Amino acid sequence: MKQENWQNAQPPPGRFCAVAPFAHRIVVVTALPEKRVCAGQVQRRSSHHGMYTAGKNHLSAAPGARDPFEAIVASWNVHRREEPPISGTRGAGSIFFGYCQARCTYCQNFPLSQGGLGHRVGPERLADMMLYLQKKKCHNLDLVTPTHFVPQILAALVLACAKGLRLPIVYNCAGYETLETLKLLDGVVDIYLPDSKYSDDKNALRTSKMPHYVESNQATLREMYRQVGTLQLDEEGIARRGLLIRHLVMPEDISGTREVLRWIAEELAPDTPVSLMDQYFPAWKAVNDPVLNRRLTWTEYRAAMDALEEFDLTAGYVQEDLMELDTTSNV
């Protein structure tokens, strides 16, 4: 296990060697644009996840967002606080989308994920954002909470690729997808960066309002792994392709961490990298939750790290902020 605090990680040594052009994307995206974008529109309207979670049409709820090809973008910038193979030395080119298919009561970005904060943009503007981030020399295009805007993203990619977009695409999501959505992305996404949040459906429903989360998440991870395999890095340690799974350790083991890690090791592969996060803190509604209204303790995170070792998941990343933040005798 790489004992690396990736929130404050130092850049890999040496000069970065540019990733070879991802020429296949022009073939994949422009060869099937109409088919994939049209299929995406149908999928968006009929999805059990995404913008229609819990029977609420969030796209219609956003004032003025009536154009089916508009996405809501909260921000687009160089992001240097992702995991080391994603942020690297020059940062990830992150586009944060408004709303999320999860309804986590503890979400640290709740103005975006729950309130839909952001600007409404069409495919041309979204394509310009992608190309801008490439000009900033980011390592990749990091699409954050993109699920409910997949058709809009595909439409923008057609335009951006025609104008020279070559960045590997990171699909940064809650891990709560439909297989139909993932099939639209097969051959388009290079790096999947999903969460695996819970091993118990009751906790998933109570704290994130995601019915049948475990089954959906496991099917999602299997399909992502089938498409891109385990994480592949270049000579500078920058991700080129593959799957990197995030897991947030939560107070009182609401996340069911040991079972999540056991499933990954046994059903995918022990060399599947896991980013084990200790950064939970009570935000939004969690401040009034009797279980979630505190930070994680070092003892709780240490138990999660022990589970990583138990299942020989040695290819991922850990954080050690709690050694400094937890001032109790438990450290």
C-alpha atoms as a PDB file:
ATOM      1  CA  MET A   1       0.000   0.000   0.000  1.00  0.00           C
ATOM      2  CA  LYS A   2       1.310   3.396  -0.943  1.00  0.00           C
ATOM      3  CA  GLN A   3       1.291   5.267   2.360  1.00  0.00           C
ATOM      4  CA  GLU A   4       0.678   8.577   0.647  1.00  0.00           C
ATOM      5  CA  ASN A   5      -1.381  11.527   1.788  1.00  0.00           C
ATOM      6  CA  TRP A   6      -2.658  12.331  -1.677  1.00  0.00           C
ATOM      7  CA  GLN A   7      -4.435  15.518  -0.641  1.00  0.00           C
ATOM      8  CA  ASN A   8      -0.973  17.018  -0.103  1.00  0.00           C
ATOM      9  CA  ALA A   9       1.013  14.775  -2.415  1.00  0.00           C
ATOM     10  CA  GLN A  10       4.180  16.075  -4.022  1.00  0.00           C
ATOM     11  CA  PRO A  11       4.393  15.875  -7.824  1.00  0.00           C
ATOM     12  CA  PRO A  12       6.189  12.839  -9.232  1.00  0.00           C
ATOM     13  CA  PRO A  13       9.884  13.586  -9.800  1.00  0.00           C
ATOM     14  CA  GLY A  14      11.217  14.459 -13.231  1.00  0.00           C
ATOM     15  CA  ARG A  15       9.794  16.097 -16.293  1.00  0.00           C
ATOM     16  CA  PHE A  16       6.341  14.913 -17.323  1.00  0.00           C
ATOM     17  CA  CYS A  17       6.216  13.023 -20.582  1.00  0.00           C
ATOM     18  CA  ALA A  18       3.050  13.916 -22.496  1.00  0.00           C
ATOM     19  CA  VAL A  19       0.561  11.122 -22.923  1.00  0.00           C
ATOM     20  CA  ALA A  20       0.413   9.887 -26.497  1.00  0.00           C
ATOM     21  CA  PRO A  21      -2.572  11.293 -28.442  1.00  0.00           C
ATOM     22  CA  PHE A  22      -5.773   9.356 -27.846  1.00  0.00           C
ATOM     23  CA  ALA A  23      -6.537   9.191 -31.546  1.00  0.00           C
ATOM     24  CA  HIS A  24      -9.042   6.378 -31.068  1.00  0.00           C
ATOM     25  CA  ARG A  25     -11.499   8.859 -29.553  1.00  0.00           C
ATOM     26  CA  ILE A  26     -12.127  10.606 -32.859  1.00  0.00           C
ATOM     27  CA  VAL A  27     -13.004   7.246 -34.377  1.00  0.00           C
ATOM     28  CA  VAL A  28     -15.203   6.109 -31.497  1.00  0.00           C
ATOM     29  CA  VAL A  29     -17.074   9.335 -30.827  1.00  0.00           C
ATOM     30  CA  THR A  30     -17.494  10.695 -34.327  1.00  0.00           C
ATOM     31  CA  ALA A  31     -18.296   7.333 -35.875  1.00  0.00           C
ATOM     32  CA  LEU A  32     -21.361   6.882 -33.663  1.00  0.00           C
ATOM     33  CA  PRO A  33     -22.382  10.374 -32.546  1.00  0.00           C
ATOM     34  CA  GLU A  34     -25.980  10.367 -33.706  1.00  0.00           C
ATOM     35  CA  LYS A  35     -26.612   6.848 -32.436  1.00  0.00           C
ATOM     36  CA  ARG A  36     -25.061   7.476 -29.033  1.00  0.00           C
ATOM     37  CA  VAL A  37     -26.475  10.949 -28.471  1.00  0.00           C
ATOM     38  CA  CYS A  38     -29.995   9.937 -29.508  1.00  0.00           C
ATOM     39  CA  ALA A  39     -29.820   6.784 -27.409  1.00  0.00           C
ATOM     40  CA  GLY A  40     -28.618   8.934 -24.535  1.00  0.00           C
ATOM     41  CA  GLN A  41     -31.648  11.189 -24.828  1.00  0.00           C
ATOM     42  CA  VAL A  42     -33.965   8.202 -24.571  1.00  0.00           C
ATOM     43  CA  GLN A  43     -31.956   6.835 -21.649  1.00  0.00           C
ATOM     44  CA  ARG A  44     -32.027  10.174 -19.836  1.00  0.00           C
ATOM     45  CA  ARG A  45     -35.806  10.338 -20.015  1.00  0.00           C
ATOM     46  CA  SER A  46     -36.366   6.753 -18.883  1.00  0.00           C
ATOM     47  CA  SER A  47     -33.544   6.367 -16.352  1.00  0.00           C
ATOM     48  CA  HIS A  48     -34.284   5.130 -12.855  1.00  0.00           C
ATOM     49  CA  HIS A  49     -31.191   7.019 -11.683  1.00  0.00           C
ATOM     50  CA  GLY A  50     -29.724  10.370 -12.696  1.00  0.00           C
ATOM     51  CA  MET A  51     -32.004  13.362 -12.971  1.00  0.00           C
ATOM     52  CA  TYR A  52     -35.128  11.320 -12.268  1.00  0.00           C
ATOM     53  CA  THR A  53     -34.053   9.777  -8.968  1.00  0.00           C
ATOM     54  CA  ALA A  54     -36.811   9.532  -6.359  1.00  0.00           C
ATOM     55  CA  GLY A  55     -39.452  10.611  -8.852  1.00  0.00           C
ATOM     56  CA  LYS A  56     -38.188  14.181  -9.157  1.00  0.00           C
ATOM     57  CA  ASN A  57     -37.237  15.712 -12.487  1.00  0.00           C
ATOM     58  CA  HIS A  58     -34.342  17.921 -11.420  1.00  0.00           C
ATOM     59  CA  LEU A  59     -33.668  19.181 -14.928  1.00  0.00           C
ATOM     60  CA  SER A  60     -37.174  20.621 -15.100  1.00  0.00           C
ATOM     61  CA  ALA A  61     -36.759  21.976 -11.578  1.00  0.00           C
ATOM     62  CA  ALA A  62     -33.778  24.071 -12.620  1.00  0.00           C
ATOM     63  CA  PRO A  63     -35.170  27.457 -13.719  1.00  0.00           C
ATOM     64  CA  GLY A  64     -35.041  27.827 -17.465  1.00  0.00           C
ATOM     65  CA  ALA A  65     -33.227  24.520 -18.077  1.00  0.00           C
ATOM     66  CA  ARG A  66     -35.687  23.244 -20.657  1.00  0.00           C
ATOM     67  CA  ASP A  67     -33.352  22.582 -23.554  1.00  0.00           C
ATOM     68  CA  PRO A  68     -32.651  18.817 -23.610  1.00  0.00           C
ATOM     69  CA  PHE A  69     -29.113  19.538 -24.805  1.00  0.00           C
ATOM     70  CA  GLU A  70     -28.254  21.909 -21.962  1.00  0.00           C
ATOM     71  CA  ALA A  71     -26.038  20.774 -19.098  1.00  0.00           C
ATOM     72  CA  ILE A  72     -25.600  22.557 -15.779  1.00  0.00           C
ATOM     73  CA  VAL A  73     -21.932  23.308 -15.069  1.00  0.00           C
ATOM     74  CA  ALA A  74     -20.939  24.564 -11.642  1.00  0.00           C
ATOM     75  CA  SER A  75     -17.245  25.093 -12.415  1.00  0.00           C
ATOM     76  CA  TRP A  76     -14.449  24.138 -14.784  1.00  0.00           C
ATOM     77  CA  ASN A  77     -10.881  24.466 -13.609  1.00  0.00           C
ATOM     78  CA  VAL A  78      -7.510  22.855 -12.978  1.00  0.00           C
ATOM     79  CA  HIS A  79      -7.975  20.544  -9.989  1.00  0.00           C
ATOM     80  CA  ARG A  80      -4.851  19.552  -8.047  1.00  0.00           C
ATOM     81  CA  ARG A  81      -6.396  17.627  -5.163  1.00  0.00           C
ATOM     82  CA  GLU A  82      -7.493  14.400  -6.807  1.00  0.00           C
ATOM     83  CA  GLU A  83      -5.498  11.190  -6.355  1.00  0.00           C
ATOM     84  CA  PRO A  84      -1.874  11.404  -7.598  1.00  0.00           C
ATOM     85  CA  PRO A  85      -2.416   9.510 -10.891  1.00  0.00           C
ATOM     86  CA  ILE A  86      -5.328  11.825 -11.711  1.00  0.00           C
ATOM     87  CA  SER A  87      -3.945  15.234 -10.664  1.00  0.00           C
ATOM     88  CA  GLY A  88      -0.303  14.444 -11.392  1.00  0.00           C
ATOM     89  CA  THR A  89       1.965  17.451 -11.840  1.00  0.00           C
ATOM     90  CA  ARG A  90      -0.323  19.663 -13.927  1.00  0.00           C
ATOM     91  CA  GLY A  91      -3.704  18.935 -12.429  1.00  0.00           C
ATOM     92  CA  ALA A  92      -6.897  17.339 -13.663  1.00  0.00           C
ATOM     93  CA  GLY A  93      -9.144  19.346 -15.971  1.00  0.00           C
ATOM     94  CA  SER A  94     -12.275  19.110 -13.839  1.00  0.00           C
ATOM     95  CA  ILE A  95     -15.773  20.010 -14.946  1.00  0.00           C
ATOM     96  CA  PHE A  96     -18.220  19.927 -12.032  1.00  0.00           C
ATOM     97  CA  PHE A  97     -21.832  19.394 -13.072  1.00  0.00           C
ATOM     98  CA  GLY A  98     -24.838  20.584 -11.096  1.00  0.00           C
ATOM     99  CA  TYR A  99     -26.993  18.009  -9.298  1.00  0.00           C
ATOM    100  CA  CYS A 100     -26.131  14.386  -8.544  1.00  0.00           C
ATOM    101  CA  GLN A 101     -27.947  11.066  -8.649  1.00  0.00           C
ATOM    102  CA  ALA A 102     -27.060  10.594  -4.963  1.00  0.00           C
ATOM    103  CA  ARG A 103     -28.751  12.575  -2.191  1.00  0.00           C
ATOM    104  CA  CYS A 104     -26.102  12.228   0.506  1.00  0.00           C
ATOM    105  CA  THR A 105     -27.146  13.987   3.703  1.00  0.00           C
ATOM    106  CA  TYR A 106     -23.474  14.658   4.464  1.00  0.00           C
ATOM    107  CA  CYS A 107     -22.414  15.982   1.045  1.00  0.00           C
ATOM    108  CA  GLN A 108     -19.637  18.566   1.286  1.00  0.00           C
ATOM    109  CA  ASN A 109     -20.681  20.052  -2.076  1.00  0.00           C
ATOM    110  CA  PHE A 110     -24.408  20.215  -1.359  1.00  0.00           C
ATOM    111  CA  PRO A 111     -24.983  23.605  -3.079  1.00  0.00           C
ATOM    112  CA  LEU A 112     -23.916  21.873  -6.312  1.00  0.00           C
ATOM    113  CA  SER A 113     -25.193  18.331  -5.780  1.00  0.00           C
ATOM    114  CA  GLN A 114     -28.536  19.163  -4.156  1.00  0.00           C
ATOM    115  CA  GLY A 115     -29.189  22.737  -5.241  1.00  0.00           C
ATOM    116  CA  GLY A 116     -28.022  22.446  -8.820  1.00  0.00           C
ATOM    117  CA  LEU A 117     -25.778  25.499  -8.580  1.00  0.00           C
ATOM    118  CA  GLY A 118     -24.247  26.328 -11.934  1.00  0.00           C
ATOM    119  CA  HIS A 119     -24.598  27.735 -15.420  1.00  0.00           C
ATOM    120  CA  ARG A 120     -26.730  26.220 -18.179  1.00  0.00           C
ATOM    121  CA  VAL A 121     -24.597  25.530 -21.216  1.00  0.00           C
ATOM    122  CA  GLY A 122     -25.158  23.944 -24.605  1.00  0.00           C
ATOM    123  CA  PRO A 123     -22.837  21.437 -26.298  1.00  0.00           C
ATOM    124  CA  GLU A 124     -20.802  24.137 -28.055  1.00  0.00           C
ATOM    125  CA  ARG A 125     -19.980  25.924 -24.797  1.00  0.00           C
ATOM    126  CA  LEU A 126     -19.283  22.644 -23.020  1.00  0.00           C
ATOM    127  CA  ALA A 127     -16.912  21.641 -25.828  1.00  0.00           C
ATOM    128  CA  ASP A 128     -15.107  24.979 -25.441  1.00  0.00           C
ATOM    129  CA  MET A 129     -14.626  24.268 -21.730  1.00  0.00           C
ATOM    130  CA  MET A 130     -13.065  20.902 -22.561  1.00  0.00           C
ATOM    131  CA  LEU A 131     -10.670  22.476 -25.054  1.00  0.00           C
ATOM    132  CA  TYR A 132      -9.789  25.259 -22.603  1.00  0.00           C
ATOM    133  CA  LEU A 133      -8.704  22.682 -20.023  1.00  0.00           C
ATOM    134  CA  GLN A 134      -6.588  20.961 -22.649  1.00  0.00           C
ATOM    135  CA  LYS A 135      -4.904  24.283 -23.404  1.00  0.00           C
ATOM    136  CA  LYS A 136      -4.132  24.591 -19.689  1.00  0.00           C
ATOM    137  CA  LYS A 137      -2.112  21.371 -20.144  1.00  0.00           C
ATOM    138  CA  CYS A 138      -4.187  19.286 -17.747  1.00  0.00           C
ATOM    139  CA  HIS A 139      -3.477  15.576 -17.705  1.00  0.00           C
ATOM    140  CA  ASN A 140      -7.087  14.599 -18.370  1.00  0.00           C
ATOM    141  CA  LEU A 141     -10.679  15.728 -18.636  1.00  0.00           C
ATOM    142  CA  ASP A 142     -12.242  15.000 -15.228  1.00  0.00           C
ATOM    143  CA  LEU A 143     -16.060  14.899 -15.503  1.00  0.00           C
ATOM    144  CA  VAL A 144     -17.480  15.157 -11.974  1.00  0.00           C
ATOM    145  CA  THR A 145     -21.039  13.865 -11.300  1.00  0.00           C
ATOM    146  CA  PRO A 146     -21.699  13.497 -15.043  1.00  0.00           C
ATOM    147  CA  THR A 147     -24.290  10.702 -15.026  1.00  0.00           C
ATOM    148  CA  HIS A 148     -27.435  12.733 -15.608  1.00  0.00           C
ATOM    149  CA  PHE A 149     -25.802  14.714 -18.443  1.00  0.00           C
ATOM    150  CA  VAL A 150     -24.281  11.855 -20.456  1.00  0.00           C
ATOM    151  CA  PRO A 151     -26.113  12.711 -23.713  1.00  0.00           C
ATOM    152  CA  GLN A 152     -25.084  16.356 -23.438  1.00  0.00           C
ATOM    153  CA  ILE A 153     -21.486  15.332 -22.731  1.00  0.00           C
ATOM    154  CA  LEU A 154     -21.411  12.991 -25.722  1.00  0.00           C
ATOM    155  CA  ALA A 155     -22.724  15.762 -27.946  1.00  0.00           C
ATOM    156  CA  ALA A 156     -20.019  18.112 -26.668  1.00  0.00           C
ATOM    157  CA  LEU A 157     -17.319  15.476 -27.156  1.00  0.00           C
ATOM    158  CA  VAL A 158     -18.234  15.126 -30.814  1.00  0.00           C
ATOM    159  CA  LEU A 159     -17.567  18.847 -31.274  1.00  0.00           C
ATOM    160  CA  ALA A 160     -14.470  18.964 -29.067  1.00  0.00           C
ATOM    161  CA  CYS A 161     -12.824  15.934 -30.688  1.00  0.00           C
ATOM    162  CA  ALA A 162     -13.366  17.446 -34.116  1.00  0.00           C
ATOM    163  CA  LYS A 163     -11.425  20.486 -32.870  1.00  0.00           C
ATOM    164  CA  GLY A 164      -8.526  18.445 -31.500  1.00  0.00           C
ATOM    165  CA  LEU A 165      -9.457  17.199 -28.013  1.00  0.00           C
ATOM    166  CA  ARG A 166      -7.005  14.435 -27.098  1.00  0.00           C
ATOM    167  CA  LEU A 167      -7.184  14.263 -23.301  1.00  0.00           C
ATOM    168  CA  PRO A 168      -8.073  10.965 -21.639  1.00  0.00           C
ATOM    169  CA  ILE A 169     -11.562  11.178 -20.185  1.00  0.00           C
ATOM    170  CA  VAL A 170     -12.190  10.521 -16.483  1.00  0.00           C
ATOM    171  CA  TYR A 171     -15.749   9.584 -15.472  1.00  0.00           C
ATOM    172  CA  ASN A 172     -15.905  10.683 -11.814  1.00  0.00           C
ATOM    173  CA  CYS A 173     -19.191   9.428 -10.356  1.00  0.00           C
ATOM    174  CA  ALA A 174     -21.079   7.967  -7.392  1.00  0.00           C
ATOM    175  CA  GLY A 175     -20.934   4.454  -8.831  1.00  0.00           C
ATOM    176  CA  TYR A 176     -24.729   4.315  -9.164  1.00  0.00           C
ATOM    177  CA  GLU A 177     -25.204   3.834 -12.890  1.00  0.00           C
ATOM    178  CA  THR A 178     -27.419   1.875 -15.241  1.00  0.00           C
ATOM    179  CA  LEU A 179     -25.806  -0.593 -17.605  1.00  0.00           C
ATOM    180  CA  GLU A 180     -27.538   1.207 -20.477  1.00  0.00           C
ATOM    181  CA  THR A 181     -25.690   4.407 -19.588  1.00  0.00           C
ATOM    182  CA  LEU A 182     -22.361   2.611 -19.286  1.00  0.00           C
ATOM    183  CA  LYS A 183     -22.821   0.979 -22.688  1.00  0.00           C
ATOM    184  CA  LEU A 184     -23.061   4.460 -24.202  1.00  0.00           C
ATOM    185  CA  LEU A 185     -19.675   5.235 -22.674  1.00  0.00           C
ATOM    186  CA  ASP A 186     -17.875   2.065 -23.741  1.00  0.00           C
ATOM    187  CA  GLY A 187     -14.890   3.128 -25.850  1.00  0.00           C
ATOM    188  CA  VAL A 188     -15.321   6.797 -24.912  1.00  0.00           C
ATOM    189  CA  VAL A 189     -14.283   6.851 -21.241  1.00  0.00           C
ATOM    190  CA  ASP A 190     -10.654   6.033 -20.498  1.00  0.00           C
ATOM    191  CA  ILE A 191     -10.620   6.151 -16.704  1.00  0.00           C
ATOM    192  CA  TYR A 192     -13.518   5.348 -14.412  1.00  0.00           C
ATOM    193  CA  LEU A 193     -13.355   6.953 -10.950  1.00  0.00           C
ATOM    194  CA  PRO A 194     -16.483   5.687  -9.142  1.00  0.00           C
ATOM    195  CA  ASP A 195     -17.410   5.533  -5.486  1.00  0.00           C
ATOM    196  CA  SER A 196     -18.250   2.332  -3.710  1.00  0.00           C
ATOM    197  CA  LYS A 197     -20.052   3.923  -0.796  1.00  0.00           C
ATOM    198  CA  TYR A 198     -21.886   1.202   1.116  1.00  0.00           C
ATOM    199  CA  SER A 199     -22.217  -2.530   1.654  1.00  0.00           C
ATOM    200  CA  ASP A 200     -25.694  -2.234   3.178  1.00  0.00           C
ATOM    201  CA  ASP A 201     -28.790  -1.042   1.324  1.00  0.00           C
ATOM    202  CA  LYS A 202     -30.454   0.300   4.473  1.00  0.00           C
ATOM    203  CA  ASN A 203     -27.608   2.702   5.158  1.00  0.00           C
ATOM    204  CA  ALA A 204     -27.436   3.703   1.495  1.00  0.00           C
ATOM    205  CA  LEU A 205     -31.128   4.553   1.530  1.00  0.00           C
ATOM    206  CA  ARG A 206     -31.055   6.344   4.869  1.00  0.00           C
ATOM    207  CA  THR A 207     -28.029   8.542   4.224  1.00  0.00           C
ATOM    208  CA  SER A 208     -27.929   8.855   0.410  1.00  0.00           C
ATOM    209  CA  LYS A 209     -31.492   8.103  -0.759  1.00  0.00           C
ATOM    210  CA  MET A 210     -30.237   5.471  -3.213  1.00  0.00           C
ATOM    211  CA  PRO A 211     -32.522   2.404  -3.403  1.00  0.00           C
ATOM    212  CA  HIS A 212     -30.894  -0.963  -4.165  1.00  0.00           C
ATOM    213  CA  TYR A 213     -27.485   0.674  -4.038  1.00  0.00           C
ATOM    214  CA  VAL A 214     -25.349  -2.397  -3.390  1.00  0.00           C
ATOM    215  CA  GLU A 215     -26.634  -4.413  -6.339  1.00  0.00           C
ATOM    216  CA  SER A 216     -26.455  -1.403  -8.644  1.00  0.00           C
ATOM    217  CA  ASN A 217     -22.974  -0.436  -7.475  1.00  0.00           C
ATOM    218  CA  GLN A 218     -21.595  -3.930  -7.903  1.00  0.00           C
ATOM    219  CA  ALA A 219     -23.038  -4.219 -11.407  1.00  0.00           C
ATOM    220  CA  THR A 220     -21.589  -0.789 -12.198  1.00  0.00           C
ATOM    221  CA  LEU A 221     -18.103  -1.731 -11.009  1.00  0.00           C
ATOM    222  CA  ARG A 222     -18.153  -5.020 -12.910  1.00  0.00           C
ATOM    223  CA  GLU A 223     -19.063  -3.280 -16.155  1.00  0.00           C
ATOM    224  CA  MET A 224     -16.485  -0.545 -15.671  1.00  0.00           C
ATOM    225  CA  TYR A 225     -13.819  -3.149 -14.985  1.00  0.00           C
ATOM    226  CA  ARG A 226     -14.877  -5.070 -18.081  1.00  0.00           C
ATOM    227  CA  GLN A 227     -14.522  -1.969 -20.210  1.00  0.00           C
ATOM    228  CA  VAL A 228     -11.186  -0.584 -19.006  1.00  0.00           C
ATOM    229  CA  GLY A 229      -9.564  -3.121 -16.657  1.00  0.00           C
ATOM    230  CA  THR A 230      -7.255  -2.218 -13.820  1.00  0.00           C
ATOM    231  CA  LEU A 231      -5.514   1.152 -13.675  1.00  0.00           C
ATOM    232  CA  GLN A 232      -2.644   1.661 -16.123  1.00  0.00           C
ATOM    233  CA  LEU A 233      -0.055   4.369 -15.464  1.00  0.00           C
ATOM    234  CA  ASP A 234       2.554   5.924 -17.734  1.00  0.00           C
ATOM    235  CA  GLU A 235       6.225   6.246 -16.837  1.00  0.00           C
ATOM    236  CA  GLU A 236       5.487   9.353 -14.731  1.00  0.00           C
ATOM    237  CA  GLY A 237       2.737   7.677 -12.720  1.00  0.00           C
ATOM    238  CA  ILE A 238      -0.131   9.407 -14.550  1.00  0.00           C
ATOM    239  CA  ALA A 239      -3.269   7.376 -15.266  1.00  0.00           C
ATOM    240  CA  ARG A 240      -3.889   6.514 -18.904  1.00  0.00           C
ATOM    241  CA  ARG A 241      -6.691   3.991 -18.623  1.00  0.00           C
ATOM    242  CA  GLY A 242      -8.477   1.808 -16.106  1.00  0.00           C
ATOM    243  CA  LEU A 243     -10.549   1.716 -12.928  1.00  0.00           C
ATOM    244  CA  LEU A 244      -9.786   3.459  -9.618  1.00  0.00           C
ATOM    245  CA  ILE A 245     -12.420   2.997  -6.901  1.00  0.00           C
ATOM    246  CA  ARG A 246     -13.018   5.485  -4.094  1.00  0.00           C
ATOM    247  CA  HIS A 247     -14.338   4.537  -0.675  1.00  0.00           C
ATOM    248  CA  LEU A 248     -15.118   7.052   2.072  1.00  0.00           C
ATOM    249  CA  VAL A 249     -14.767   5.568   5.564  1.00  0.00           C
ATOM    250  CA  MET A 250     -17.646   6.787   7.730  1.00  0.00           C
ATOM    251  CA  PRO A 251     -18.376   7.031  11.474  1.00  0.00           C
ATOM    252  CA  GLU A 252     -19.756   3.915  13.165  1.00  0.00           C
ATOM    253  CA  ASP A 253     -18.905   2.000   9.974  1.00  0.00           C
ATOM    254  CA  ILE A 254     -22.050   3.226   8.212  1.00  0.00           C
ATOM    255  CA  SER A 255     -20.099   2.540   5.017  1.00  0.00           C
ATOM    256  CA  GLY A 256     -19.553  -1.152   5.788  1.00  0.00           C
ATOM    257  CA  THR A 257     -15.940  -0.786   4.752  1.00  0.00           C
ATOM    258  CA  ARG A 258     -14.638  -4.313   5.302  1.00  0.00           C
ATOM    259  CA  GLU A 259     -17.379  -5.880   3.187  1.00  0.00           C
ATOM    260  CA  VAL A 260     -16.904  -3.295   0.422  1.00  0.00           C
ATOM    261  CA  LEU A 261     -13.194  -4.094   0.248  1.00  0.00           C
ATOM    262  CA  ARG A 262     -13.747  -7.848   0.437  1.00  0.00           C
ATOM    263  CA  TRP A 263     -16.097  -7.696  -2.546  1.00  0.00           C
ATOM    264  CA  ILE A 264     -13.651  -5.666  -4.630  1.00  0.00           C
ATOM    265  CA  ALA A 265     -10.784  -8.049  -3.896  1.00  0.00           C
ATOM    266  CA  GLU A 266     -12.770 -11.228  -4.539  1.00  0.00           C
ATOM    267  CA  GLU A 267     -15.121 -10.192  -7.349  1.00  0.00           C
ATOM    268  CA  LEU A 268     -12.859  -7.853  -9.337  1.00  0.00           C
ATOM    269  CA  ALA A 269      -9.162  -8.355  -8.545  1.00  0.00           C
ATOM    270  CA  PRO A 270      -6.748  -7.657  -5.657  1.00  0.00           C
ATOM    271  CA  ASP A 271      -4.752  -5.351  -7.951  1.00  0.00           C
ATOM    272  CA  THR A 272      -7.792  -3.070  -8.345  1.00  0.00           C
ATOM    273  CA  PRO A 273      -6.639   0.223  -6.779  1.00  0.00           C
ATOM    274  CA  VAL A 274      -8.796   1.643  -3.994  1.00  0.00           C
ATOM    275  CA  SER A 275      -8.569   5.200  -2.729  1.00  0.00           C
ATOM    276  CA  LEU A 276      -9.418   4.859   0.970  1.00  0.00           C
ATOM    277  CA  MET A 277     -10.538   8.289   2.157  1.00  0.00           C
ATOM    278  CA  ASP A 278     -10.485   9.586   5.734  1.00  0.00           C
ATOM    279  CA  GLN A 279     -11.851  13.052   4.951  1.00  0.00           C
ATOM    280  CA  TYR A 280     -15.415  12.618   6.207  1.00  0.00           C
ATOM    281  CA  PHE A 281     -16.776  15.501   8.244  1.00  0.00           C
ATOM    282  CA  PRO A 282     -20.389  16.385   9.100  1.00  0.00           C
ATOM    283  CA  ALA A 283     -21.705  18.751   6.445  1.00  0.00           C
ATOM    284  CA  TRP A 284     -25.200  19.843   5.473  1.00  0.00           C
ATOM    285  CA  LYS A 285     -27.867  17.697   7.198  1.00  0.00           C
ATOM    286  CA  ALA A 286     -25.322  15.474   8.927  1.00  0.00           C
ATOM    287  CA  VAL A 287     -24.677  18.121  11.588  1.00  0.00           C
ATOM    288  CA  ASN A 288     -28.033  17.138  13.124  1.00  0.00           C
ATOM    289  CA  ASP A 289     -27.614  13.386  12.651  1.00  0.00           C
ATOM    290  CA  PRO A 290     -26.812  11.595  15.957  1.00  0.00           C
ATOM    291  CA  VAL A 291     -24.552   9.092  14.147  1.00  0.00           C
ATOM    292  CA  LEU A 292     -22.946  11.254  11.484  1.00  0.00           C
ATOM    293  CA  ASN A 293     -22.445  14.519  13.383  1.00  0.00           C
ATOM    294  CA  ARG A 294     -18.754  13.936  14.115  1.00  0.00           C
ATOM    295  CA  ARG A 295     -15.492  13.381  12.313  1.00  0.00           C
ATOM    296  CA  LEU A 296     -13.984   9.977  11.823  1.00  0.00           C
ATOM    297  CA  THR A 297     -11.558   8.784  14.494  1.00  0.00           C
ATOM    298  CA  TRP A 298      -8.096   7.428  13.816  1.00  0.00           C
ATOM    299  CA  THR A 299      -9.165   4.086  15.300  1.00  0.00           C
ATOM    300  CA  GLU A 300     -11.964   3.779  12.746  1.00  0.00           C
ATOM    301  CA  TYR A 301      -9.686   4.623   9.859  1.00  0.00           C
ATOM    302  CA  ARG A 302      -6.958   2.311  11.137  1.00  0.00           C
ATOM    303  CA  ALA A 303      -9.484  -0.562  11.053  1.00  0.00           C
ATOM    304  CA  ALA A 304     -10.227   0.291   7.407  1.00  0.00           C
ATOM    305  CA  MET A 305      -6.523   0.249   6.579  1.00  0.00           C
ATOM    306  CA  ASP A 306      -6.228  -3.140   8.276  1.00  0.00           C
ATOM    307  CA  ALA A 307      -8.987  -4.430   5.981  1.00  0.00           C
ATOM    308  CA  LEU A 308      -7.012  -3.244   2.945  1.00  0.00           C
ATOM    309  CA  GLU A 309      -4.074  -5.315   4.142  1.00  0.00           C
ATOM    310  CA  GLU A 310      -6.281  -8.278   5.004  1.00  0.00           C
ATOM    311  CA  PHE A 311      -7.580  -8.501   1.441  1.00  0.00           C
ATOM    312  CA  ASP A 312      -4.199  -7.676  -0.111  1.00  0.00           C
ATOM    313  CA  LEU A 313      -5.499  -4.529  -1.818  1.00  0.00           C
ATOM    314  CA  THR A 314      -2.069  -2.983  -2.123  1.00  0.00           C
ATOM    315  CA  ALA A 315      -2.342  -0.938  -5.316  1.00  0.00           C
ATOM    316  CA  GLY A 316      -4.287   2.063  -4.059  1.00  0.00           C
ATOM    317  CA  TYR A 317      -3.977   5.137  -1.859  1.00  0.00           C
ATOM    318  CA  VAL A 318      -4.573   6.041   1.765  1.00  0.00           C
ATOM    319  CA  GLN A 319      -4.746   9.306   3.673  1.00  0.00           C
ATOM    320  CA  GLU A 320      -3.227  10.075   7.058  1.00  0.00           C
ATOM    321  CA  ASP A 321      -4.741  13.429   7.956  1.00  0.00           C
ATOM    322  CA  LEU A 322      -6.442  11.911  11.002  1.00  0.00           C
ATOM    323  CA  MET A 323      -3.127  11.314  12.729  1.00  0.00           C
ATOM    324  CA  GLU A 324      -2.933  15.101  13.050  1.00  0.00           C
ATOM    325  CA  LEU A 325      -6.642  15.918  13.387  1.00  0.00           C
ATOM    326  CA  ASP A 326      -7.588  13.316  16.018  1.00  0.00           C
ATOM    327  CA  THR A 327      -6.126  14.671  19.256  1.00  0.00           C
ATOM    328  CA  THR A 328      -7.660  11.987  21.476  1.00  0.00           C
ATOM    329  CA  SER A 329      -5.799   9.112  23.092  1.00  0.00           C
ATOM    330  CA  ASN A 330      -7.101   6.844  20.297  1.00  0.00           C
ATOM    331  CA  VAL A 331      -4.288   7.867  17.942  1.00  0.00           C
END
